[in-house]
C-alpha atoms as a PDB file:
ATOM      1  CA  MET A   1     113.944 119.861  64.368  1.00  0.00           C
ATOM      2  CA  ALA A   2     110.680 120.983  66.106  1.00  0.00           C
ATOM      3  CA  ILE A   3     110.793 124.319  67.877  1.00  0.00           C
ATOM      4  CA  GLN A   4     109.239 124.213  71.422  1.00  0.00           C
ATOM      5  CA  ASP A   5     107.127 127.120  72.465  1.00  0.00           C
ATOM      6  CA  ASP A   6     106.483 128.264  75.918  1.00  0.00           C
ATOM      7  CA  LYS A   7     102.999 126.748  75.954  1.00  0.00           C
ATOM      8  CA  SER A   8     104.419 123.281  75.033  1.00  0.00           C
ATOM      9  CA  VAL A   9     107.081 123.520  77.811  1.00  0.00           C
ATOM     10  CA  ALA A  10     104.470 124.701  80.348  1.00  0.00           C
ATOM     11  CA  ASN A  11     102.075 121.876  79.333  1.00  0.00           C
ATOM     12  CA  ARG A  12     104.820 119.296  79.652  1.00  0.00           C
ATOM     13  CA  LEU A  13     105.883 120.658  83.035  1.00  0.00           C
ATOM     14  CA  PHE A  14     102.270 120.500  84.460  1.00  0.00           C
ATOM     15  CA  PHE A  15     101.714 117.074  83.131  1.00  0.00           C
ATOM     16  CA  ARG A  16     104.941 115.868  84.542  1.00  0.00           C
ATOM     17  CA  LEU A  17     103.993 117.170  87.979  1.00  0.00           C
ATOM     18  CA  PHE A  18     100.594 115.470  87.691  1.00  0.00           C
ATOM     19  CA  GLN A  19     102.429 112.201  86.738  1.00  0.00           C
ATOM     20  CA  ALA A  20     105.002 112.611  89.582  1.00  0.00           C
ATOM     21  CA  SER A  21     102.140 113.216  91.968  1.00  0.00           C
ATOM     22  CA  ASN A  22     100.398 109.937  90.948  1.00  0.00           C
ATOM     23  CA  ILE A  23     103.634 107.984  91.142  1.00  0.00           C
ATOM     24  CA  LEU A  24     104.344 109.417  94.583  1.00  0.00           C
ATOM     25  CA  GLN A  25     100.828 108.397  95.755  1.00  0.00           C
ATOM     26  CA  LYS A  26     101.264 104.950  94.357  1.00  0.00           C
ATOM     27  CA  GLN A  27     104.694 104.404  95.707  1.00  0.00           C
ATOM     28  CA  THR A  28     104.083 105.659  99.256  1.00  0.00           C
ATOM     29  CA  VAL A  29     101.196 103.241  99.556  1.00  0.00           C
ATOM     30  CA  GLY A  30     103.337 100.401  98.188  1.00  0.00           C
ATOM     31  CA  GLN A  31     106.563 101.144  99.961  1.00  0.00           C
ATOM     32  CA  VAL A  32     105.410 102.750 103.214  1.00  0.00           C
ATOM     33  CA  GLY A  33     101.850 101.626 103.502  1.00  0.00           C
ATOM     34  CA  LEU A  34     100.332 105.117 103.789  1.00  0.00           C
ATOM     35  CA  SER A  35      98.595 107.443 101.397  1.00  0.00           C
ATOM     36  CA  THR A  36     100.416 110.728 100.862  1.00  0.00           C
ATOM     37  CA  VAL A  37      97.739 112.498 102.977  1.00  0.00           C
ATOM     38  CA  GLN A  38      98.019 109.976 105.794  1.00  0.00           C
ATOM     39  CA  TRP A  39     101.818 110.340 105.664  1.00  0.00           C
ATOM     40  CA  ALA A  40     101.466 114.227 105.705  1.00  0.00           C
ATOM     41  CA  VAL A  41      98.950 114.059 108.607  1.00  0.00           C
ATOM     42  CA  LEU A  42     101.092 111.886 110.836  1.00  0.00           C
ATOM     43  CA  GLY A  43     104.236 113.914 109.932  1.00  0.00           C
ATOM     44  CA  ALA A  44     102.451 117.178 110.741  1.00  0.00           C
ATOM     45  CA  LEU A  45     101.113 115.909 114.067  1.00  0.00           C
ATOM     46  CA  SER A  46     104.483 114.537 115.147  1.00  0.00           C
ATOM     47  CA  ARG A  47     106.218 117.855 114.829  1.00  0.00           C
ATOM     48  CA  LYS A  48     107.647 119.525 118.022  1.00  0.00           C
ATOM     49  CA  GLY A  49     105.079 121.814 119.482  1.00  0.00           C
ATOM     50  CA  TYR A  50     102.045 119.794 118.459  1.00  0.00           C
ATOM     51  CA  GLU A  51     102.093 117.283 121.284  1.00  0.00           C
ATOM     52  CA  ASP A  52      98.850 118.734 122.589  1.00  0.00           C
ATOM     53  CA  GLY A  53      97.167 118.717 119.219  1.00  0.00           C
ATOM     54  CA  ILE A  54      96.293 121.021 116.418  1.00  0.00           C
ATOM     55  CA  SER A  55      92.980 122.353 115.332  1.00  0.00           C
ATOM     56  CA  PHE A  56      91.268 120.882 112.400  1.00  0.00           C
ATOM     57  CA  ASN A  57      91.287 124.251 110.520  1.00  0.00           C
ATOM     58  CA  GLN A  58      95.021 124.740 111.237  1.00  0.00           C
ATOM     59  CA  LEU A  59      95.762 121.249 109.879  1.00  0.00           C
ATOM     60  CA  THR A  60      93.764 121.855 106.680  1.00  0.00           C
ATOM     61  CA  GLU A  61      95.746 125.107 106.145  1.00  0.00           C
ATOM     62  CA  TYR A  62      99.007 123.540 106.824  1.00  0.00           C
ATOM     63  CA  LEU A  63      98.530 120.542 104.595  1.00  0.00           C
ATOM     64  CA  ILE A  64      96.539 122.552 101.956  1.00  0.00           C
ATOM     65  CA  VAL A  65      93.834 119.944 101.792  1.00  0.00           C
ATOM     66  CA  SER A  66      89.939 120.100 101.717  1.00  0.00           C
ATOM     67  CA  ARG A  67      88.133 119.672 104.883  1.00  0.00           C
ATOM     68  CA  GLN A  68      86.281 116.632 103.359  1.00  0.00           C
ATOM     69  CA  ASN A  69      89.568 114.951 102.302  1.00  0.00           C
ATOM     70  CA  LEU A  70      91.137 115.582 105.712  1.00  0.00           C
ATOM     71  CA  ASP A  71      88.040 114.333 107.541  1.00  0.00           C
ATOM     72  CA  GLY A  72      88.031 110.967 105.696  1.00  0.00           C
ATOM     73  CA  VAL A  73      91.788 110.461 106.311  1.00  0.00           C
ATOM     74  CA  LEU A  74      91.376 111.237 110.018  1.00  0.00           C
ATOM     75  CA  LYS A  75      88.421 108.772 110.304  1.00  0.00           C
ATOM     76  CA  ARG A  76      90.763 106.118 108.983  1.00  0.00           C
ATOM     77  CA  LEU A  77      93.568 107.061 111.247  1.00  0.00           C
ATOM     78  CA  GLU A  78      91.247 107.239 114.255  1.00  0.00           C
ATOM     79  CA  ARG A  79      89.969 103.752 113.372  1.00  0.00           C
ATOM     80  CA  ASP A  80      93.572 102.561 113.569  1.00  0.00           C
ATOM     81  CA  ASP A  81      94.047 104.451 116.813  1.00  0.00           C
ATOM     82  CA  HIS A  82      96.773 106.599 115.433  1.00  0.00           C
ATOM     83  CA  VAL A  83      95.035 109.897 116.048  1.00  0.00           C
ATOM     84  CA  LYS A  84      92.155 111.102 118.186  1.00  0.00           C
ATOM     85  CA  ARG A  85      89.871 114.232 118.299  1.00  0.00           C
ATOM     86  CA  ILE A  86      89.753 115.908 121.647  1.00  0.00           C
ATOM     87  CA  PRO A  87      87.817 118.973 122.826  1.00  0.00           C
ATOM     88  CA  HIS A  88      89.606 122.188 122.318  1.00  0.00           C
ATOM     89  CA  PRO A  89      90.348 123.719 125.750  1.00  0.00           C
ATOM     90  CA  ASP A  90      89.469 127.212 124.711  1.00  0.00           C
ATOM     91  CA  ASP A  91      86.439 126.467 122.347  1.00  0.00           C
ATOM     92  CA  LYS A  92      84.241 123.639 123.344  1.00  0.00           C
ATOM     93  CA  ARG A  93      82.628 123.528 119.794  1.00  0.00           C
ATOM     94  CA  ALA A  94      86.086 122.822 118.283  1.00  0.00           C
ATOM     95  CA  ARG A  95      88.212 119.787 118.422  1.00  0.00           C
ATOM     96  CA  LEU A  96      91.947 119.258 118.364  1.00  0.00           C
ATOM     97  CA  ILE A  97      93.663 116.554 116.376  1.00  0.00           C
ATOM     98  CA  LEU A  98      96.158 114.685 118.579  1.00  0.00           C
ATOM     99  CA  LEU A  99      98.597 111.874 117.678  1.00  0.00           C
ATOM    100  CA  THR A 100      98.026 108.970 119.964  1.00  0.00           C
ATOM    101  CA  ASP A 101     100.855 107.081 121.701  1.00  0.00           C
ATOM    102  CA  LYS A 102     100.177 104.265 119.298  1.00  0.00           C
ATOM    103  CA  GLY A 103     100.296 106.748 116.358  1.00  0.00           C
ATOM    104  CA  ARG A 104     103.532 108.122 117.524  1.00  0.00           C
ATOM    105  CA  ALA A 105     105.085 104.683 117.889  1.00  0.00           C
ATOM    106  CA  PHE A 106     103.725 103.804 114.352  1.00  0.00           C
ATOM    107  CA  TRP A 107     105.279 107.014 112.918  1.00  0.00           C
ATOM    108  CA  GLU A 108     108.565 106.373 114.640  1.00  0.00           C
ATOM    109  CA  SER A 109     108.623 102.772 113.283  1.00  0.00           C
ATOM    110  CA  LEU A 110     108.146 104.049 109.695  1.00  0.00           C
ATOM    111  CA  GLN A 111     111.177 106.419 109.948  1.00  0.00           C
ATOM    112  CA  PRO A 112     113.661 103.988 108.489  1.00  0.00           C
ATOM    113  CA  LYS A 113     111.392 103.124 105.560  1.00  0.00           C
ATOM    114  CA  ILE A 114     110.708 106.819 105.001  1.00  0.00           C
ATOM    115  CA  HIS A 115     114.335 107.778 104.947  1.00  0.00           C
ATOM    116  CA  GLU A 116     115.102 104.924 102.478  1.00  0.00           C
ATOM    117  CA  PHE A 117     112.240 106.056 100.423  1.00  0.00           C
ATOM    118  CA  TYR A 118     113.631 109.647 100.337  1.00  0.00           C
ATOM    119  CA  ALA A 119     117.165 108.283  99.417  1.00  0.00           C
ATOM    120  CA  GLN A 120     115.754 106.222  96.608  1.00  0.00           C
ATOM    121  CA  GLY A 121     113.481 109.045  95.341  1.00  0.00           C
ATOM    122  CA  LEU A 122     116.354 111.553  95.311  1.00  0.00           C
ATOM    123  CA  ALA A 123     119.110 109.055  94.214  1.00  0.00           C
ATOM    124  CA  ASN A 124     120.000 110.953  91.110  1.00  0.00           C
ATOM    125  CA  PHE A 125     120.116 114.366  92.813  1.00  0.00           C
ATOM    126  CA  THR A 126     123.052 116.009  94.408  1.00  0.00           C
ATOM    127  CA  PHE A 127     122.464 118.003  97.685  1.00  0.00           C
ATOM    128  CA  ASP A 128     122.542 121.319  95.758  1.00  0.00           C
ATOM    129  CA  GLU A 129     120.113 120.036  93.134  1.00  0.00           C
ATOM    130  CA  THR A 130     117.722 118.885  95.953  1.00  0.00           C
ATOM    131  CA  VAL A 131     117.888 122.324  97.501  1.00  0.00           C
ATOM    132  CA  SER A 132     117.365 124.031  94.150  1.00  0.00           C
ATOM    133  CA  LEU A 133     114.352 121.790  93.429  1.00  0.00           C
ATOM    134  CA  LEU A 134     112.862 122.658  96.796  1.00  0.00           C
ATOM    135  CA  HIS A 135     113.459 126.309  96.119  1.00  0.00           C
ATOM    136  CA  TYR A 136     111.781 126.219  92.743  1.00  0.00           C
ATOM    137  CA  LEU A 137     108.879 124.089  94.022  1.00  0.00           C
ATOM    138  CA  ASN A 138     108.341 126.748  96.805  1.00  0.00           C
ATOM    139  CA  LYS A 139     108.267 129.454  94.231  1.00  0.00           C
ATOM    140  CA  PHE A 140     105.838 127.512  92.071  1.00  0.00           C
ATOM    141  CA  GLN A 141     103.584 126.791  95.021  1.00  0.00           C
ATOM    142  CA  LYS A 142     103.394 130.518  95.842  1.00  0.00           C
ATOM    143  CA  ASP A 143     102.510 131.307  92.204  1.00  0.00           C
ATOM    144  CA  LEU A 144      99.758 128.707  92.283  1.00  0.00           C
ATOM    145  CA  GLU A 145      98.417 130.044  95.624  1.00  0.00           C
ATOM    146  CA  ALA A 146      98.222 133.484  94.096  1.00  0.00           C
ATOM    147  CA  ILE A 147      96.059 132.183  91.222  1.00  0.00           C
ATOM    148  CA  ALA A 148      93.681 130.615  93.732  1.00  0.00           C
ATOM    149  CA  MET A 149      93.343 133.866  95.636  1.00  0.00           C
ATOM    150  CA  GLN A 150      92.552 135.777  92.386  1.00  0.00           C
ATOM    151  CA  GLU A 151      89.911 133.120  91.421  1.00  0.00           C
ATOM    152  CA  ALA A 152      88.153 132.950  94.742  1.00  0.00           C
ATOM    153  CA  PRO A 153      85.989 136.161  94.451  1.00  0.00           C
ATOM    154  CA  ASN A 154      84.807 135.105  90.937  1.00  0.00           C
ATOM    155  CA  ALA A 155      83.817 131.619  92.212  1.00  0.00           C
ATOM    156  CA  GLU A 156      81.874 133.155  95.071  1.00  0.00           C
ATOM    157  CA  ARG A 157      79.895 135.385  92.677  1.00  0.00           C
ATOM    158  CA  GLU A 158      79.107 132.471  90.358  1.00  0.00           C
ATOM    159  CA  GLU A 159      77.609 130.515  93.318  1.00  0.00           C
ATOM    160  CA  SER A 160      75.477 133.505  94.454  1.00  0.00           C
END
């Protein structure tokens, strides 16, 4: 019997998360017709309190995506008339991202598919297991964010 060391378990965990992320991306496109980032953008913009839009920077921070990635996704969603960029009322240089009426109707029309997708994706989890998984993923995300904050000063020095 082979003995598993901590590095092996960590490697398997990170690889499994990578695989799960790729499967999630493939399945959301196939089952719902959206990329995971498109799904996240529409979901973020549909939240209560964001009927008047959200700044580009706030949206990148909320979704934890790059400006370039978000801009490309927004261009596709704008092309489909699901979102629009409007001038920020307090800062004319900035723009707010707003879910259009067509985008809101599209998002609402997807809700049955999305809930079925959730049900299938979590079919083998009890409610308590789902809550635990969410708890552990939140802890994991915080740890990953802490790594990025430690690395940022070194990255800036290397570019200088």
